[in-house]
C-alpha cells in the first residue's frame, strides 16, 4: 500500500474484521490439525526453552508483516522481543479464577478444548507450559505518541491495528508449525472462544489476559494504568500460547504485582495520571469504563485523519518513566 485508503469506514476491511473479531471471537481461520502421524515418532527434546526463544526472536525480526504502511512503509512495528515461560500447573492460574473471574481459562482448560477437537484426551496440567512474549513498540512510534495530548499519533494508530493483526498472524503461524510437528498447541486469542466484554468482577476483559500470563511468566509487573511494566517498558503488544511440552520457567516472578511502578514503590510519579485526557487513572485505580469510552471515541478520528478503521489511545503509556523500561529506582 503506497497511498492513503479512501473511505476507510467502508474499505478498510482488515480493520473492520479485526475490530469485530476482537469483540466477538469471529472471523478467525479454523484451528490447525495435529499431525498425529508424527506426534509419537518425532523427538521433541530439541524444543527446549532456548529453541522457543530463538524461534520467536528470529521470526519476529524477519517476518514481512512486522511493518507499518504508508506513509511509514518499511518501518518495523516491533523490536526484539522478551520471552518467558510458566508451568501449566502453576497455582497462579487458579488464583486468576478468583482475581479475574471464573471465565478466565487455565492452560488445562484451553488445551482440553484443543485436544478434544483433535480426538485426544486432555493432557495433564503438569505436562503443559505457557510461552509468553513481549513485542516492544518501536522508538519512533513511542516518540510520536508522547507528543500527543488528546488523540493517538498516526504511527500509534497503525501499530494498534497492524500490530494486532500481525500478533495474531504471528502466534497462529507458531501454533500451526508446532501442530504440524506433532506438538499439541493452542493460543486462546485466535480461537472462537476469545472475545472481549464486560465481566462482573473486572469490567471490560477477555477470557485470556496476555498481561496476566506475562506477569505469571515473570516478564513484568503492573502499573497505575494497568499496563505491564517490563524490561522494555509498557509500550508493547503481548502474546502467549499453551504447548504440550515441559518448559522450565526462566524468570523470577515478583511477589509484588506493582514492584516496578514508581508510584506504588515511592509514592511519587503519577505521570500516567496526568497523561490521561479523561482522568480515567487516579490514585484509587483505573476506571476501565471511562478508558473504554475514550478509546472508542478515537475511531472517527483515526478514520478521518489516518484513513484506517481502528481505535486506540496509549497516551498514558508514553511520556512516562516506564515507557521504555523499568524506572531506575525500581530496577
C-alpha atoms as a PDB file:
ATOM      1  CA  UNK A   1       0.000   0.000   0.000  1.00  0.00           C
ATOM      2  CA  UNK A   2       1.665   3.236  -1.172  1.00  0.00           C
ATOM      3  CA  UNK A   3      -1.109   5.746  -0.525  1.00  0.00           C
ATOM      4  CA  UNK A   4      -3.921   6.517   1.880  1.00  0.00           C
ATOM      5  CA  UNK A   5      -7.021   4.357   1.753  1.00  0.00           C
ATOM      6  CA  UNK A   6     -10.171   6.227   0.706  1.00  0.00           C
ATOM      7  CA  UNK A   7     -13.398   5.881   2.695  1.00  0.00           C
ATOM      8  CA  UNK A   8     -11.804   3.700   5.364  1.00  0.00           C
ATOM      9  CA  UNK A   9     -15.170   3.338   7.103  1.00  0.00           C
ATOM     10  CA  UNK A  10     -16.093   1.001   4.248  1.00  0.00           C
ATOM     11  CA  UNK A  11     -12.862  -0.026   2.552  1.00  0.00           C
ATOM     12  CA  UNK A  12     -10.554  -0.931   5.435  1.00  0.00           C
ATOM     13  CA  UNK A  13     -11.821  -4.488   5.582  1.00  0.00           C
ATOM     14  CA  UNK A  14      -8.905  -5.728   7.681  1.00  0.00           C
ATOM     15  CA  UNK A  15      -9.605  -3.110  10.330  1.00  0.00           C
ATOM     16  CA  UNK A  16     -13.340  -3.821  10.394  1.00  0.00           C
ATOM     17  CA  UNK A  17     -12.737  -7.571  10.584  1.00  0.00           C
ATOM     18  CA  UNK A  18     -10.160  -7.135  13.353  1.00  0.00           C
ATOM     19  CA  UNK A  19     -12.463  -4.957  15.465  1.00  0.00           C
ATOM     20  CA  UNK A  20     -15.401  -7.364  15.155  1.00  0.00           C
ATOM     21  CA  UNK A  21     -13.227 -10.416  15.715  1.00  0.00           C
ATOM     22  CA  UNK A  22     -11.661  -8.932  18.830  1.00  0.00           C
ATOM     23  CA  UNK A  23     -15.020  -8.199  20.416  1.00  0.00           C
ATOM     24  CA  UNK A  24     -16.976 -11.255  19.254  1.00  0.00           C
ATOM     25  CA  UNK A  25     -14.454 -14.001  18.608  1.00  0.00           C
ATOM     26  CA  UNK A  26     -15.486 -14.124  14.953  1.00  0.00           C
ATOM     27  CA  UNK A  27     -13.590 -14.349  11.692  1.00  0.00           C
ATOM     28  CA  UNK A  28     -10.670 -16.489  12.807  1.00  0.00           C
ATOM     29  CA  UNK A  29      -9.425 -19.256  10.498  1.00  0.00           C
ATOM     30  CA  UNK A  30     -10.014 -22.866  11.518  1.00  0.00           C
ATOM     31  CA  UNK A  31      -7.638 -24.295  14.075  1.00  0.00           C
ATOM     32  CA  UNK A  32      -4.733 -26.293  12.620  1.00  0.00           C
ATOM     33  CA  UNK A  33      -4.986 -30.072  12.954  1.00  0.00           C
ATOM     34  CA  UNK A  34      -2.436 -32.043  14.922  1.00  0.00           C
ATOM     35  CA  UNK A  35      -0.194 -34.175  12.727  1.00  0.00           C
ATOM     36  CA  UNK A  36      -0.831 -37.425  14.578  1.00  0.00           C
ATOM     37  CA  UNK A  37       1.406 -39.370  12.192  1.00  0.00           C
ATOM     38  CA  UNK A  38       4.491 -37.783  13.749  1.00  0.00           C
ATOM     39  CA  UNK A  39       3.151 -36.969  17.216  1.00  0.00           C
ATOM     40  CA  UNK A  40       4.594 -40.119  18.770  1.00  0.00           C
ATOM     41  CA  UNK A  41       7.501 -40.624  16.406  1.00  0.00           C
ATOM     42  CA  UNK A  42       9.267 -37.267  16.413  1.00  0.00           C
ATOM     43  CA  UNK A  43      11.891 -36.385  19.017  1.00  0.00           C
ATOM     44  CA  UNK A  44      10.878 -33.069  20.571  1.00  0.00           C
ATOM     45  CA  UNK A  45      13.758 -32.791  23.039  1.00  0.00           C
ATOM     46  CA  UNK A  46      15.340 -30.034  20.953  1.00  0.00           C
ATOM     47  CA  UNK A  47      12.225 -27.913  21.531  1.00  0.00           C
ATOM     48  CA  UNK A  48      13.549 -26.559  24.786  1.00  0.00           C
ATOM     49  CA  UNK A  49      13.484 -23.054  26.245  1.00  0.00           C
ATOM     50  CA  UNK A  50      16.315 -21.792  24.026  1.00  0.00           C
ATOM     51  CA  UNK A  51      14.617 -23.185  20.934  1.00  0.00           C
ATOM     52  CA  UNK A  52      11.436 -21.226  21.661  1.00  0.00           C
ATOM     53  CA  UNK A  53      13.332 -18.029  22.495  1.00  0.00           C
ATOM     54  CA  UNK A  54      15.422 -18.134  19.329  1.00  0.00           C
ATOM     55  CA  UNK A  55      12.482 -19.177  17.144  1.00  0.00           C
ATOM     56  CA  UNK A  56      10.332 -16.285  18.369  1.00  0.00           C
ATOM     57  CA  UNK A  57      13.160 -13.748  18.056  1.00  0.00           C
ATOM     58  CA  UNK A  58      14.161 -14.835  14.566  1.00  0.00           C
ATOM     59  CA  UNK A  59      10.580 -14.996  13.341  1.00  0.00           C
ATOM     60  CA  UNK A  60       9.759 -11.528  14.661  1.00  0.00           C
ATOM     61  CA  UNK A  61      12.902  -9.998  13.144  1.00  0.00           C
ATOM     62  CA  UNK A  62      12.309 -11.440   9.673  1.00  0.00           C
ATOM     63  CA  UNK A  63       8.521 -11.503   9.356  1.00  0.00           C
ATOM     64  CA  UNK A  64       7.341  -9.369   6.389  1.00  0.00           C
ATOM     65  CA  UNK A  65       4.149  -8.336   8.221  1.00  0.00           C
ATOM     66  CA  UNK A  66       6.086  -6.726  11.065  1.00  0.00           C
ATOM     67  CA  UNK A  67       5.883  -3.492   9.103  1.00  0.00           C
ATOM     68  CA  UNK A  68       3.914  -0.250   9.056  1.00  0.00           C
ATOM     69  CA  UNK A  69       2.103   1.058   5.974  1.00  0.00           C
ATOM     70  CA  UNK A  70       2.085   4.366   4.067  1.00  0.00           C
ATOM     71  CA  UNK A  71       3.443   6.897   4.896  1.00  0.00           C
ATOM     72  CA  UNK A  72       5.793   4.824   7.096  1.00  0.00           C
ATOM     73  CA  UNK A  73       6.184   1.869   4.752  1.00  0.00           C
ATOM     74  CA  UNK A  74       9.008  -0.456   5.714  1.00  0.00           C
ATOM     75  CA  UNK A  75       9.330   0.695   9.317  1.00  0.00           C
ATOM     76  CA  UNK A  76       9.291  -2.091  11.878  1.00  0.00           C
ATOM     77  CA  UNK A  77       6.270  -2.246  14.166  1.00  0.00           C
ATOM     78  CA  UNK A  78       8.011  -4.193  16.922  1.00  0.00           C
ATOM     79  CA  UNK A  79      11.570  -4.531  18.187  1.00  0.00           C
ATOM     80  CA  UNK A  80      13.430  -7.518  19.679  1.00  0.00           C
ATOM     81  CA  UNK A  81      11.095  -9.474  21.996  1.00  0.00           C
ATOM     82  CA  UNK A  82      11.259 -10.823  25.538  1.00  0.00           C
ATOM     83  CA  UNK A  83      10.208 -14.439  26.126  1.00  0.00           C
ATOM     84  CA  UNK A  84       9.183 -16.186  29.345  1.00  0.00           C
ATOM     85  CA  UNK A  85       7.691 -19.497  30.439  1.00  0.00           C
ATOM     86  CA  UNK A  86       5.304 -20.661  33.148  1.00  0.00           C
ATOM     87  CA  UNK A  87       4.249 -24.200  34.021  1.00  0.00           C
ATOM     88  CA  UNK A  88       0.694 -25.217  33.167  1.00  0.00           C
ATOM     89  CA  UNK A  89       0.009 -26.328  36.733  1.00  0.00           C
ATOM     90  CA  UNK A  90       1.295 -23.137  38.378  1.00  0.00           C
ATOM     91  CA  UNK A  91      -1.125 -22.277  41.232  1.00  0.00           C
ATOM     92  CA  UNK A  92      -1.426 -18.716  39.927  1.00  0.00           C
ATOM     93  CA  UNK A  93      -3.883 -19.847  37.260  1.00  0.00           C
ATOM     94  CA  UNK A  94      -6.341 -20.932  39.941  1.00  0.00           C
ATOM     95  CA  UNK A  95      -5.779 -17.593  41.678  1.00  0.00           C
ATOM     96  CA  UNK A  96      -6.752 -15.856  38.431  1.00  0.00           C
ATOM     97  CA  UNK A  97     -10.107 -17.632  38.639  1.00  0.00           C
ATOM     98  CA  UNK A  98     -10.737 -15.541  41.761  1.00  0.00           C
ATOM     99  CA  UNK A  99      -8.878 -12.344  40.877  1.00  0.00           C
ATOM    100  CA  UNK A 100     -10.067 -12.002  37.267  1.00  0.00           C
ATOM    101  CA  UNK A 101     -13.090 -14.278  37.357  1.00  0.00           C
ATOM    102  CA  UNK A 102     -14.192 -17.851  36.683  1.00  0.00           C
ATOM    103  CA  UNK A 103     -14.360 -17.061  32.966  1.00  0.00           C
ATOM    104  CA  UNK A 104     -10.560 -16.856  32.684  1.00  0.00           C
ATOM    105  CA  UNK A 105      -9.125 -20.027  31.157  1.00  0.00           C
ATOM    106  CA  UNK A 106      -6.484 -22.110  32.818  1.00  0.00           C
ATOM    107  CA  UNK A 107      -3.893 -23.636  30.466  1.00  0.00           C
ATOM    108  CA  UNK A 108      -5.519 -27.023  31.105  1.00  0.00           C
ATOM    109  CA  UNK A 109      -8.991 -25.791  30.115  1.00  0.00           C
ATOM    110  CA  UNK A 110      -7.959 -24.251  26.802  1.00  0.00           C
ATOM    111  CA  UNK A 111      -5.727 -27.205  25.945  1.00  0.00           C
ATOM    112  CA  UNK A 112      -8.543 -29.641  26.769  1.00  0.00           C
ATOM    113  CA  UNK A 113     -10.624 -27.841  24.142  1.00  0.00           C
ATOM    114  CA  UNK A 114      -7.847 -28.199  21.563  1.00  0.00           C
ATOM    115  CA  UNK A 115      -7.266 -31.849  22.472  1.00  0.00           C
ATOM    116  CA  UNK A 116     -10.957 -32.678  22.117  1.00  0.00           C
ATOM    117  CA  UNK A 117     -11.033 -31.080  18.666  1.00  0.00           C
ATOM    118  CA  UNK A 118      -8.239 -33.456  17.688  1.00  0.00           C
ATOM    119  CA  UNK A 119      -9.830 -36.536  19.215  1.00  0.00           C
ATOM    120  CA  UNK A 120      -7.358 -36.764  22.084  1.00  0.00           C
ATOM    121  CA  UNK A 121      -7.652 -36.908  25.875  1.00  0.00           C
ATOM    122  CA  UNK A 122      -6.701 -33.701  27.639  1.00  0.00           C
ATOM    123  CA  UNK A 123      -3.042 -33.645  28.750  1.00  0.00           C
ATOM    124  CA  UNK A 124      -2.348 -33.215  32.454  1.00  0.00           C
ATOM    125  CA  UNK A 125      -1.710 -29.634  33.533  1.00  0.00           C
ATOM    126  CA  UNK A 126       1.750 -30.629  34.768  1.00  0.00           C
ATOM    127  CA  UNK A 127       2.677 -31.611  31.203  1.00  0.00           C
ATOM    128  CA  UNK A 128       1.781 -28.183  29.811  1.00  0.00           C
ATOM    129  CA  UNK A 129       3.704 -24.928  29.578  1.00  0.00           C
ATOM    130  CA  UNK A 130       2.675 -21.411  28.615  1.00  0.00           C
ATOM    131  CA  UNK A 131       5.036 -19.409  26.408  1.00  0.00           C
ATOM    132  CA  UNK A 132       4.620 -15.653  26.848  1.00  0.00           C
ATOM    133  CA  UNK A 133       6.295 -12.974  24.752  1.00  0.00           C
ATOM    134  CA  UNK A 134       6.606  -9.186  24.789  1.00  0.00           C
ATOM    135  CA  UNK A 135       6.885  -7.320  21.466  1.00  0.00           C
ATOM    136  CA  UNK A 136       8.166  -3.771  22.213  1.00  0.00           C
ATOM    137  CA  UNK A 137       6.780  -0.923  20.098  1.00  0.00           C
ATOM    138  CA  UNK A 138       9.377   0.986  18.059  1.00  0.00           C
ATOM    139  CA  UNK A 139      11.018   4.153  19.375  1.00  0.00           C
ATOM    140  CA  UNK A 140       9.653   6.315  16.529  1.00  0.00           C
ATOM    141  CA  UNK A 141       6.109   5.295  17.375  1.00  0.00           C
ATOM    142  CA  UNK A 142       6.639   5.945  21.076  1.00  0.00           C
ATOM    143  CA  UNK A 143       8.160   9.358  20.395  1.00  0.00           C
ATOM    144  CA  UNK A 144       5.258  10.360  18.166  1.00  0.00           C
ATOM    145  CA  UNK A 145       2.678   9.409  20.757  1.00  0.00           C
ATOM    146  CA  UNK A 146       4.408  11.085  23.701  1.00  0.00           C
ATOM    147  CA  UNK A 147       3.910  14.451  21.996  1.00  0.00           C
ATOM    148  CA  UNK A 148       0.143  13.929  21.680  1.00  0.00           C
ATOM    149  CA  UNK A 149      -2.292  15.101  24.360  1.00  0.00           C
ATOM    150  CA  UNK A 150      -5.780  14.152  23.150  1.00  0.00           C
ATOM    151  CA  UNK A 151      -5.599  11.681  20.281  1.00  0.00           C
ATOM    152  CA  UNK A 152      -3.190   8.905  19.265  1.00  0.00           C
ATOM    153  CA  UNK A 153      -0.382   9.587  16.806  1.00  0.00           C
ATOM    154  CA  UNK A 154      -0.596   8.102  13.327  1.00  0.00           C
ATOM    155  CA  UNK A 155       2.207   5.601  13.898  1.00  0.00           C
ATOM    156  CA  UNK A 156       0.496   4.566  17.137  1.00  0.00           C
ATOM    157  CA  UNK A 157      -2.860   4.071  15.413  1.00  0.00           C
ATOM    158  CA  UNK A 158      -1.244   1.971  12.700  1.00  0.00           C
ATOM    159  CA  UNK A 159       0.549  -0.069  15.355  1.00  0.00           C
ATOM    160  CA  UNK A 160      -2.731  -0.598  17.180  1.00  0.00           C
ATOM    161  CA  UNK A 161      -4.308  -2.083  14.027  1.00  0.00           C
ATOM    162  CA  UNK A 162      -1.434  -3.665  12.130  1.00  0.00           C
ATOM    163  CA  UNK A 163       0.249  -4.819  15.330  1.00  0.00           C
ATOM    164  CA  UNK A 164      -2.953  -6.545  16.449  1.00  0.00           C
ATOM    165  CA  UNK A 165      -3.343  -8.301  13.110  1.00  0.00           C
ATOM    166  CA  UNK A 166       0.335  -9.203  12.999  1.00  0.00           C
ATOM    167  CA  UNK A 167       0.422 -10.576  16.554  1.00  0.00           C
ATOM    168  CA  UNK A 168      -2.472 -12.908  15.749  1.00  0.00           C
ATOM    169  CA  UNK A 169      -0.874 -13.995  12.479  1.00  0.00           C
ATOM    170  CA  UNK A 170       2.439 -14.458  14.255  1.00  0.00           C
ATOM    171  CA  UNK A 171       1.136 -16.691  17.042  1.00  0.00           C
ATOM    172  CA  UNK A 172      -1.128 -18.619  14.682  1.00  0.00           C
ATOM    173  CA  UNK A 173       1.868 -19.461  12.498  1.00  0.00           C
ATOM    174  CA  UNK A 174       3.830 -20.665  15.536  1.00  0.00           C
ATOM    175  CA  UNK A 175       0.941 -22.842  16.734  1.00  0.00           C
ATOM    176  CA  UNK A 176       0.404 -24.240  13.230  1.00  0.00           C
ATOM    177  CA  UNK A 177       4.091 -25.121  12.923  1.00  0.00           C
ATOM    178  CA  UNK A 178       4.038 -26.890  16.299  1.00  0.00           C
ATOM    179  CA  UNK A 179       0.897 -28.851  15.390  1.00  0.00           C
ATOM    180  CA  UNK A 180       2.477 -29.926  12.095  1.00  0.00           C
ATOM    181  CA  UNK A 181       5.491 -31.155  14.078  1.00  0.00           C
ATOM    182  CA  UNK A 182       3.190 -33.264  16.240  1.00  0.00           C
ATOM    183  CA  UNK A 183       3.118 -30.990  19.303  1.00  0.00           C
ATOM    184  CA  UNK A 184      -0.318 -30.061  20.641  1.00  0.00           C
ATOM    185  CA  UNK A 185      -0.515 -26.264  20.989  1.00  0.00           C
ATOM    186  CA  UNK A 186      -3.115 -23.502  21.159  1.00  0.00           C
ATOM    187  CA  UNK A 187      -3.308 -19.737  21.550  1.00  0.00           C
ATOM    188  CA  UNK A 188      -6.657 -18.725  23.101  1.00  0.00           C
ATOM    189  CA  UNK A 189      -6.843 -15.317  21.393  1.00  0.00           C
ATOM    190  CA  UNK A 190      -7.031 -16.884  17.922  1.00  0.00           C
ATOM    191  CA  UNK A 191      -9.845 -19.287  18.762  1.00  0.00           C
ATOM    192  CA  UNK A 192     -13.637 -18.769  18.622  1.00  0.00           C
ATOM    193  CA  UNK A 193     -13.648 -18.879  22.434  1.00  0.00           C
ATOM    194  CA  UNK A 194     -11.926 -15.492  22.664  1.00  0.00           C
ATOM    195  CA  UNK A 195     -13.876 -12.245  22.955  1.00  0.00           C
ATOM    196  CA  UNK A 196     -13.962  -9.040  24.931  1.00  0.00           C
ATOM    197  CA  UNK A 197     -16.925  -7.976  27.024  1.00  0.00           C
ATOM    198  CA  UNK A 198     -17.919  -6.658  30.432  1.00  0.00           C
ATOM    199  CA  UNK A 199     -17.487  -9.157  33.245  1.00  0.00           C
ATOM    200  CA  UNK A 200     -18.910  -8.794  36.792  1.00  0.00           C
ATOM    201  CA  UNK A 201     -15.611  -8.504  38.693  1.00  0.00           C
ATOM    202  CA  UNK A 202     -13.218  -6.705  36.354  1.00  0.00           C
ATOM    203  CA  UNK A 203     -15.403  -4.932  33.774  1.00  0.00           C
ATOM    204  CA  UNK A 204     -14.020  -4.998  30.222  1.00  0.00           C
ATOM    205  CA  UNK A 205     -11.891  -8.120  29.911  1.00  0.00           C
ATOM    206  CA  UNK A 206     -11.273 -11.301  27.952  1.00  0.00           C
ATOM    207  CA  UNK A 207     -11.094 -14.996  28.926  1.00  0.00           C
ATOM    208  CA  UNK A 208      -7.317 -14.986  28.419  1.00  0.00           C
ATOM    209  CA  UNK A 209      -5.320 -11.996  29.620  1.00  0.00           C
ATOM    210  CA  UNK A 210      -1.886 -11.772  27.981  1.00  0.00           C
ATOM    211  CA  UNK A 211      -0.889  -9.258  30.670  1.00  0.00           C
ATOM    212  CA  UNK A 212      -1.621 -11.658  33.499  1.00  0.00           C
ATOM    213  CA  UNK A 213       0.038 -14.517  31.639  1.00  0.00           C
ATOM    214  CA  UNK A 214       3.151 -12.344  31.160  1.00  0.00           C
ATOM    215  CA  UNK A 215       3.160 -11.498  34.874  1.00  0.00           C
ATOM    216  CA  UNK A 216       2.877 -15.190  35.686  1.00  0.00           C
ATOM    217  CA  UNK A 217       5.915 -15.811  33.455  1.00  0.00           C
ATOM    218  CA  UNK A 218       7.954 -13.177  35.314  1.00  0.00           C
ATOM    219  CA  UNK A 219       8.053 -10.716  32.421  1.00  0.00           C
ATOM    220  CA  UNK A 220       6.787  -7.682  34.332  1.00  0.00           C
ATOM    221  CA  UNK A 221       4.512  -6.124  36.940  1.00  0.00           C
ATOM    222  CA  UNK A 222       1.529  -3.801  36.723  1.00  0.00           C
ATOM    223  CA  UNK A 223       1.433  -0.005  36.626  1.00  0.00           C
ATOM    224  CA  UNK A 224      -1.209   2.503  37.686  1.00  0.00           C
ATOM    225  CA  UNK A 225      -2.751   2.329  34.203  1.00  0.00           C
ATOM    226  CA  UNK A 226      -2.899  -1.490  34.429  1.00  0.00           C
ATOM    227  CA  UNK A 227      -0.252  -1.896  31.714  1.00  0.00           C
ATOM    228  CA  UNK A 228       2.550  -4.377  32.288  1.00  0.00           C
ATOM    229  CA  UNK A 229       5.885  -2.714  33.081  1.00  0.00           C
ATOM    230  CA  UNK A 230       8.622  -4.884  31.524  1.00  0.00           C
ATOM    231  CA  UNK A 231      12.341  -4.535  30.870  1.00  0.00           C
ATOM    232  CA  UNK A 232      11.290  -2.849  27.617  1.00  0.00           C
ATOM    233  CA  UNK A 233       8.647  -0.696  29.293  1.00  0.00           C
ATOM    234  CA  UNK A 234       4.866  -0.576  28.897  1.00  0.00           C
ATOM    235  CA  UNK A 235       4.725   0.156  25.164  1.00  0.00           C
ATOM    236  CA  UNK A 236       4.292  -3.264  23.683  1.00  0.00           C
ATOM    237  CA  UNK A 237       1.957  -5.958  22.483  1.00  0.00           C
ATOM    238  CA  UNK A 238       1.835  -9.203  24.385  1.00  0.00           C
ATOM    239  CA  UNK A 239       1.209 -12.705  23.122  1.00  0.00           C
ATOM    240  CA  UNK A 240       1.129 -16.213  24.545  1.00  0.00           C
ATOM    241  CA  UNK A 241       0.294 -19.795  23.721  1.00  0.00           C
ATOM    242  CA  UNK A 242      -0.009 -23.114  25.521  1.00  0.00           C
ATOM    243  CA  UNK A 243       2.092 -26.073  24.448  1.00  0.00           C
ATOM    244  CA  UNK A 244       2.102 -29.736  25.469  1.00  0.00           C
ATOM    245  CA  UNK A 245       5.770 -29.671  26.491  1.00  0.00           C
ATOM    246  CA  UNK A 246       7.529 -29.198  29.797  1.00  0.00           C
ATOM    247  CA  UNK A 247       9.489 -25.939  29.722  1.00  0.00           C
ATOM    248  CA  UNK A 248      11.297 -24.544  32.744  1.00  0.00           C
ATOM    249  CA  UNK A 249      10.368 -21.025  33.943  1.00  0.00           C
ATOM    250  CA  UNK A 250      13.294 -18.726  33.092  1.00  0.00           C
ATOM    251  CA  UNK A 251      12.407 -15.624  35.119  1.00  0.00           C
ATOM    252  CA  UNK A 252      11.682 -14.819  38.757  1.00  0.00           C
ATOM    253  CA  UNK A 253       8.123 -13.592  39.255  1.00  0.00           C
ATOM    254  CA  UNK A 254       7.946 -10.685  41.733  1.00  0.00           C
ATOM    255  CA  UNK A 255       5.518 -11.310  44.573  1.00  0.00           C
ATOM    256  CA  UNK A 256       4.541  -7.630  44.498  1.00  0.00           C
ATOM    257  CA  UNK A 257       2.354  -7.098  41.429  1.00  0.00           C
ATOM    258  CA  UNK A 258       3.391  -3.396  41.403  1.00  0.00           C
ATOM    259  CA  UNK A 259       7.113  -3.923  42.028  1.00  0.00           C
ATOM    260  CA  UNK A 260       8.190  -1.830  39.018  1.00  0.00           C
ATOM    261  CA  UNK A 261       5.692   1.039  39.450  1.00  0.00           C
ATOM    262  CA  UNK A 262       7.282   4.217  40.816  1.00  0.00           C
ATOM    263  CA  UNK A 263       4.116   5.449  42.497  1.00  0.00           C
ATOM    264  CA  UNK A 264       3.412   2.191  44.287  1.00  0.00           C
ATOM    265  CA  UNK A 265       7.011   1.960  45.490  1.00  0.00           C
ATOM    266  CA  UNK A 266       7.837   5.595  46.266  1.00  0.00           C
ATOM    267  CA  UNK A 267       4.508   7.412  46.497  1.00  0.00           C
ATOM    268  CA  UNK A 268       5.704   9.748  43.740  1.00  0.00           C
ATOM    269  CA  UNK A 269       5.251   9.960  39.951  1.00  0.00           C
ATOM    270  CA  UNK A 270       1.637   9.763  38.710  1.00  0.00           C
ATOM    271  CA  UNK A 271       2.826  10.806  35.240  1.00  0.00           C
ATOM    272  CA  UNK A 272       0.330   8.407  33.662  1.00  0.00           C
ATOM    273  CA  UNK A 273      -2.446  10.100  35.662  1.00  0.00           C
ATOM    274  CA  UNK A 274      -1.515  13.453  34.134  1.00  0.00           C
ATOM    275  CA  UNK A 275      -1.257  11.963  30.641  1.00  0.00           C
ATOM    276  CA  UNK A 276      -4.814  10.571  30.631  1.00  0.00           C
ATOM    277  CA  UNK A 277      -7.120  13.003  28.775  1.00  0.00           C
ATOM    278  CA  UNK A 278     -10.269  11.794  30.558  1.00  0.00           C
ATOM    279  CA  UNK A 279      -8.962  11.327  34.123  1.00  0.00           C
ATOM    280  CA  UNK A 280      -9.529   7.574  33.971  1.00  0.00           C
ATOM    281  CA  UNK A 281      -6.440   6.953  36.142  1.00  0.00           C
ATOM    282  CA  UNK A 282      -6.321   8.134  39.748  1.00  0.00           C
ATOM    283  CA  UNK A 283      -4.585   7.185  42.980  1.00  0.00           C
ATOM    284  CA  UNK A 284      -7.573   4.936  43.642  1.00  0.00           C
ATOM    285  CA  UNK A 285      -7.197   2.930  40.450  1.00  0.00           C
ATOM    286  CA  UNK A 286      -8.088   2.676  36.782  1.00  0.00           C
ATOM    287  CA  UNK A 287     -11.628   3.473  35.609  1.00  0.00           C
ATOM    288  CA  UNK A 288     -11.910   0.963  32.753  1.00  0.00           C
ATOM    289  CA  UNK A 289     -15.317   2.243  31.647  1.00  0.00           C
ATOM    290  CA  UNK A 290     -14.104   5.834  31.210  1.00  0.00           C
ATOM    291  CA  UNK A 291     -10.999   4.492  29.475  1.00  0.00           C
ATOM    292  CA  UNK A 292     -13.122   2.358  27.132  1.00  0.00           C
ATOM    293  CA  UNK A 293     -15.322   5.315  26.166  1.00  0.00           C
ATOM    294  CA  UNK A 294     -12.271   7.436  25.340  1.00  0.00           C
ATOM    295  CA  UNK A 295     -10.685   4.673  23.283  1.00  0.00           C
ATOM    296  CA  UNK A 296     -13.950   4.049  21.407  1.00  0.00           C
ATOM    297  CA  UNK A 297     -14.245   7.763  20.636  1.00  0.00           C
ATOM    298  CA  UNK A 298     -10.977   7.682  18.697  1.00  0.00           C
ATOM    299  CA  UNK A 299     -12.462   5.556  15.915  1.00  0.00           C
ATOM    300  CA  UNK A 300     -13.872   8.519  13.915  1.00  0.00           C
ATOM    301  CA  UNK A 301     -10.617  10.460  14.461  1.00  0.00           C
ATOM    302  CA  UNK A 302      -8.408   7.666  13.147  1.00  0.00           C
ATOM    303  CA  UNK A 303     -10.670   7.135  10.159  1.00  0.00           C
ATOM    304  CA  UNK A 304     -10.750  10.830   9.280  1.00  0.00           C
ATOM    305  CA  UNK A 305      -7.080  11.670   9.842  1.00  0.00           C
ATOM    306  CA  UNK A 306      -5.248   8.381   9.280  1.00  0.00           C
ATOM    307  CA  UNK A 307      -7.653   6.573   6.936  1.00  0.00           C
ATOM    308  CA  UNK A 308      -7.731   3.351   8.927  1.00  0.00           C
ATOM    309  CA  UNK A 309     -10.556   1.644  10.809  1.00  0.00           C
ATOM    310  CA  UNK A 310      -9.164   1.441  14.319  1.00  0.00           C
ATOM    311  CA  UNK A 311      -9.488   2.825  17.820  1.00  0.00           C
ATOM    312  CA  UNK A 312      -6.652   3.397  20.271  1.00  0.00           C
ATOM    313  CA  UNK A 313      -5.022   5.808  22.671  1.00  0.00           C
ATOM    314  CA  UNK A 314      -1.849   4.815  24.541  1.00  0.00           C
ATOM    315  CA  UNK A 315      -1.234   8.345  25.831  1.00  0.00           C
ATOM    316  CA  UNK A 316      -0.708   7.085  29.389  1.00  0.00           C
ATOM    317  CA  UNK A 317       1.911   4.614  28.115  1.00  0.00           C
ATOM    318  CA  UNK A 318       4.110   7.293  26.536  1.00  0.00           C
ATOM    319  CA  UNK A 319       5.866  10.274  28.069  1.00  0.00           C
ATOM    320  CA  UNK A 320       6.095   8.390  31.369  1.00  0.00           C
ATOM    321  CA  UNK A 321       9.097   6.925  33.281  1.00  0.00           C
ATOM    322  CA  UNK A 322       8.017   3.346  32.493  1.00  0.00           C
ATOM    323  CA  UNK A 323       7.552   3.977  28.757  1.00  0.00           C
ATOM    324  CA  UNK A 324      10.635   2.078  27.568  1.00  0.00           C
ATOM    325  CA  UNK A 325      11.955   0.266  30.647  1.00  0.00           C
ATOM    326  CA  UNK A 326      11.694  -0.276  34.378  1.00  0.00           C
ATOM    327  CA  UNK A 327      12.089   3.093  36.170  1.00  0.00           C
ATOM    328  CA  UNK A 328      15.619   3.437  37.568  1.00  0.00           C
ATOM    329  CA  UNK A 329      14.574   3.432  41.235  1.00  0.00           C
ATOM    330  CA  UNK A 330      12.774   0.110  40.795  1.00  0.00           C
ATOM    331  CA  UNK A 331      15.311  -1.897  38.815  1.00  0.00           C
END
